[in-house]
Protein backbone atom coordinates (compact mmCIF):
# COMPACT_ATOMS: atom_id res chain seq x y z
CA MET A 1 -16.77 -11.92 -89.66
CA GLU A 2 -19.75 -12.11 -86.81
CA ARG A 3 -19.62 -14.26 -84.06
CA PRO A 4 -22.77 -16.74 -84.10
CA ALA A 5 -25.43 -15.77 -81.69
CA VAL A 6 -25.35 -17.33 -78.45
CA PRO A 7 -28.90 -18.62 -77.27
CA PHE A 8 -30.01 -18.02 -73.53
CA PRO A 9 -33.27 -18.32 -71.98
CA PRO A 10 -36.23 -15.95 -72.22
CA SER A 11 -37.22 -13.18 -69.71
CA PRO A 12 -38.03 -13.71 -66.68
CA TRP A 13 -35.10 -15.58 -65.50
CA ARG A 14 -35.29 -17.68 -62.15
CA LEU A 15 -32.05 -18.54 -60.58
CA THR A 16 -30.49 -19.99 -57.09
CA GLY A 17 -27.71 -19.92 -55.17
CA ASP A 18 -25.61 -17.98 -52.60
CA MET A 19 -24.43 -14.52 -52.91
CA VAL A 20 -22.68 -11.62 -50.79
CA VAL A 21 -23.62 -8.15 -51.01
CA SER A 22 -21.71 -5.14 -49.97
CA LEU A 23 -22.34 -1.40 -49.56
CA TRP A 24 -19.69 1.21 -50.48
CA ARG A 25 -20.17 4.77 -49.45
CA VAL A 26 -18.12 6.50 -51.79
CA PRO A 27 -17.41 10.33 -52.27
CA ALA A 28 -19.74 11.54 -55.28
CA ASP A 29 -16.65 13.38 -56.86
CA ASP A 30 -14.96 10.21 -57.10
CA LEU A 31 -17.50 8.27 -59.10
CA PRO A 32 -15.77 7.42 -62.33
CA SER A 33 -17.62 8.46 -65.66
CA TRP A 34 -19.98 5.39 -65.55
CA PRO A 35 -22.84 6.07 -68.52
CA LEU A 36 -26.53 6.04 -67.11
CA PRO A 37 -30.00 6.15 -68.92
CA ALA A 38 -30.91 9.47 -69.51
CA GLY A 39 -32.64 10.98 -66.68
CA VAL A 40 -31.18 8.72 -64.38
CA HIS A 41 -28.74 10.20 -61.59
CA PRO A 42 -26.67 8.84 -58.67
CA TRP A 43 -28.21 9.05 -55.16
CA VAL A 44 -26.24 11.25 -53.49
CA VAL A 45 -26.60 12.05 -49.88
CA ARG A 46 -24.32 14.37 -47.75
CA ARG A 47 -21.99 14.53 -50.92
CA ARG A 48 -21.49 10.44 -50.95
CA ALA A 49 -23.24 7.76 -53.18
CA THR A 50 -23.81 4.19 -52.69
CA VAL A 51 -22.08 1.59 -54.62
CA VAL A 52 -22.93 -1.96 -54.16
CA THR A 53 -21.06 -5.40 -55.31
CA PHE A 54 -22.57 -8.63 -55.39
CA TRP A 55 -20.53 -11.73 -55.58
CA VAL A 56 -22.81 -14.68 -56.49
CA ASP A 57 -22.62 -18.21 -57.04
CA TYR A 58 -25.99 -19.27 -59.29
CA ARG A 59 -26.41 -22.64 -58.80
CA PRO A 60 -28.30 -25.70 -60.81
CA GLY A 61 -32.02 -25.47 -60.02
CA GLY A 62 -32.20 -22.14 -61.72
CA VAL A 63 -32.45 -21.63 -65.59
CA LEU A 64 -28.65 -20.83 -65.62
CA SER A 65 -25.66 -21.90 -63.57
CA TYR A 66 -22.85 -19.54 -63.65
CA ARG A 67 -20.81 -17.29 -61.21
CA GLU A 68 -20.72 -13.31 -61.45
CA PHE A 69 -19.36 -10.43 -59.91
CA LEU A 70 -21.45 -6.88 -60.35
CA ILE A 71 -21.30 -3.46 -59.37
CA ALA A 72 -24.19 -1.67 -59.24
CA LEU A 73 -24.67 2.19 -58.54
CA ALA A 74 -27.89 3.62 -56.39
CA VAL A 75 -29.56 5.93 -58.50
CA ARG A 76 -32.63 8.38 -58.82
CA HIS A 77 -34.88 7.32 -61.38
CA GLY A 78 -37.82 10.13 -61.01
CA HIS A 79 -38.98 10.19 -57.93
CA ARG A 80 -38.09 6.62 -56.94
CA LEU A 81 -34.79 4.79 -55.91
CA ALA A 82 -33.47 2.24 -58.19
CA GLY A 83 -29.82 0.31 -59.18
CA SER A 84 -28.07 0.72 -62.29
CA THR A 85 -25.75 -1.71 -63.17
CA VAL A 86 -22.33 0.04 -64.38
CA ALA A 87 -19.84 -3.26 -64.65
CA ALA A 88 -20.63 -6.67 -64.14
CA TRP A 89 -18.43 -9.81 -65.11
CA VAL A 90 -19.69 -13.56 -65.67
CA ASP A 91 -17.91 -17.14 -66.75
CA ASP A 92 -21.07 -18.08 -68.81
CA ASP A 93 -21.32 -17.25 -72.37
CA ARG A 94 -25.61 -17.44 -72.12
CA ALA A 95 -25.67 -15.42 -68.78
CA LEU A 96 -23.34 -12.74 -70.77
CA ALA A 97 -25.47 -12.59 -74.19
CA GLY A 98 -28.84 -12.86 -72.25
CA GLY A 99 -28.01 -9.77 -70.05
CA ARG A 100 -26.99 -7.37 -72.21
CA ALA A 101 -29.71 -8.47 -74.84
CA LEU A 102 -32.62 -8.62 -72.59
CA TRP A 103 -31.66 -5.65 -70.23
CA GLY A 104 -28.51 -4.02 -70.89
CA ILE A 105 -26.65 -5.10 -68.37
CA PRO A 106 -22.96 -4.72 -69.68
CA LYS A 107 -21.75 -7.92 -68.69
CA GLU A 108 -18.20 -9.16 -69.53
CA GLN A 109 -16.63 -12.38 -69.46
CA GLY A 110 -14.05 -13.12 -66.63
CA GLY A 111 -12.81 -16.28 -64.94
CA PHE A 112 -13.63 -17.19 -61.16
CA THR A 113 -12.15 -19.05 -58.11
CA LEU A 114 -14.43 -19.47 -55.22
CA ARG A 115 -13.89 -21.07 -51.96
CA ALA A 116 -17.23 -21.08 -49.73
CA ASP A 117 -18.53 -22.95 -46.50
CA SER A 118 -21.57 -22.30 -44.72
CA ARG A 119 -19.95 -19.36 -43.12
CA SER A 120 -17.29 -17.77 -45.12
CA THR A 121 -16.49 -17.09 -48.95
CA ARG A 122 -12.97 -16.30 -50.57
CA ALA A 123 -13.43 -15.58 -53.96
CA GLU A 124 -11.40 -13.86 -57.10
CA LEU A 125 -12.20 -12.59 -60.47
CA THR A 126 -9.67 -12.31 -63.13
CA ALA A 127 -10.44 -10.69 -66.70
CA ASP A 128 -8.77 -8.79 -69.61
CA GLY A 129 -8.42 -5.25 -69.20
CA ILE A 130 -8.42 -4.92 -65.07
CA PRO A 131 -6.81 -6.16 -62.24
CA ALA A 132 -7.49 -9.11 -60.24
CA VAL A 133 -10.51 -8.76 -57.86
CA ARG A 134 -10.15 -10.66 -54.31
CA PHE A 135 -12.68 -10.81 -52.05
CA THR A 136 -13.24 -12.46 -48.69
CA TYR A 137 -15.85 -12.77 -46.44
CA GLN A 138 -16.90 -14.00 -42.65
CA ASP A 139 -20.50 -14.40 -41.49
CA VAL A 140 -20.96 -12.62 -37.83
CA LEU A 141 -24.72 -13.17 -37.28
CA ARG A 142 -27.03 -15.55 -38.88
CA LEU A 143 -30.50 -14.47 -39.01
CA PRO A 144 -33.20 -17.18 -38.09
CA PHE A 145 -35.12 -16.39 -41.01
CA ARG A 146 -35.89 -16.03 -44.68
CA LEU A 147 -35.67 -12.86 -46.02
CA SER A 148 -37.91 -11.46 -49.12
CA ALA A 149 -37.29 -8.37 -51.28
CA ARG A 150 -38.21 -6.16 -54.34
CA ALA A 151 -35.79 -3.81 -56.38
CA HIS A 152 -35.47 -3.04 -59.84
CA LEU A 153 -32.46 -2.00 -62.27
CA VAL A 154 -32.62 0.76 -64.84
CA GLN A 155 -30.40 0.15 -67.89
CA GLN A 156 -29.78 1.21 -71.17
CA LEU A 157 -30.41 -1.31 -74.16
CA SER A 158 -28.24 -1.11 -77.57
CA ASP A 159 -30.56 0.66 -79.18
CA GLY A 160 -30.94 3.50 -76.47
CA ALA A 161 -33.89 2.47 -75.15
CA GLU A 162 -34.74 2.90 -71.49
CA CYS A 163 -34.94 -0.64 -69.67
CA ARG A 164 -36.41 -1.26 -66.19
CA VAL A 165 -35.75 -4.81 -64.67
CA PRO A 166 -37.70 -5.84 -61.88
CA MET A 167 -36.07 -8.01 -59.24
CA ARG A 168 -37.35 -10.21 -56.39
CA ILE A 169 -35.36 -12.41 -54.24
CA SER A 170 -35.77 -14.44 -50.88
CA GLY A 171 -33.02 -16.08 -48.85
CA ARG A 172 -31.26 -16.97 -45.44
CA PRO A 173 -29.42 -13.62 -44.58
CA ALA A 174 -26.19 -13.31 -42.50
CA LEU A 175 -24.59 -9.97 -41.57
CA GLY A 176 -20.54 -10.30 -41.87
CA ARG A 177 -17.30 -8.69 -42.42
CA GLY A 178 -16.14 -8.30 -46.18
CA HIS A 179 -12.86 -7.16 -47.73
CA VAL A 180 -11.88 -6.49 -51.56
CA SER A 181 -8.66 -5.77 -52.89
CA THR A 182 -7.68 -4.67 -56.32
CA GLY A 183 -5.86 -2.29 -58.53
CA PRO A 184 -6.91 1.28 -59.23
CA GLU A 185 -8.41 0.71 -62.82
CA ALA A 186 -11.08 2.94 -63.48
CA ARG A 187 -14.12 0.91 -63.03
CA LEU A 188 -12.93 -0.47 -60.01
CA SER A 189 -11.33 2.62 -58.46
CA VAL A 190 -14.07 3.07 -56.22
CA LEU A 191 -13.52 -0.19 -54.41
CA ALA A 192 -9.59 0.23 -54.47
CA GLY A 193 -8.16 1.00 -50.82
CA ARG A 194 -11.49 1.43 -49.38
CA ARG A 195 -13.80 -0.81 -46.74
CA PRO A 196 -17.68 -1.81 -47.27
CA VAL A 197 -19.76 -0.19 -44.68
CA LEU A 198 -21.80 -3.11 -44.93
CA SER A 199 -21.63 -6.56 -45.78
CA PHE A 200 -24.00 -9.36 -45.49
CA ALA A 201 -24.93 -13.06 -47.14
CA VAL A 202 -28.01 -14.36 -48.82
CA ARG A 203 -27.81 -18.02 -48.63
CA ASP A 204 -30.15 -20.54 -50.56
CA PHE A 205 -31.62 -17.70 -52.47
CA ARG A 206 -34.19 -17.55 -54.77
CA SER A 207 -34.65 -14.90 -57.46
CA ILE A 208 -36.46 -13.87 -60.01
CA VAL A 209 -34.79 -11.41 -62.80
CA GLY A 210 -36.78 -9.78 -65.24
CA SER A 211 -40.75 -9.85 -66.20
């Protein structure tokens, strides 16, 4: 028996909240066999790939409110640099259904514990099939301006078609120290036992995902 369809907002999604971003440099030979769209390849410099993780607390004021842990891989898309989401967990059925249907983002269901104040974040993700993922972050330097940025994801839809997902964001940045602990499950193996080379928070952000 098929599950009933879950309604979700149409693209684009306007979202707001706080996030912490961490960048990881990983030996290219250690990357899991993440599926990527045809013609899309990891961006490798000096035999290392770049992985980016996002802990996000989407708050009221956007089209949805939920929490998310997302892993993206920096990739070459033609002659351009882009990102491709290779794993993601959320605690909202509409965010899960919409991310998969609209943009091919492989979201799964997870449970989140989050404690945050104006300078620090402690988070934990629990989900079926993976070890718990724990994260801590502390501000070191707040920057006295709002930062704006644009990027795009390259994903593959369920019918095999390529999907380009434009993203825009602005928020108050702060540089800090982040740490993740987890077990050696395949999708999380690039994080286990490693430290990010850079972590930063983007608070009170406003973003637009999709077009």
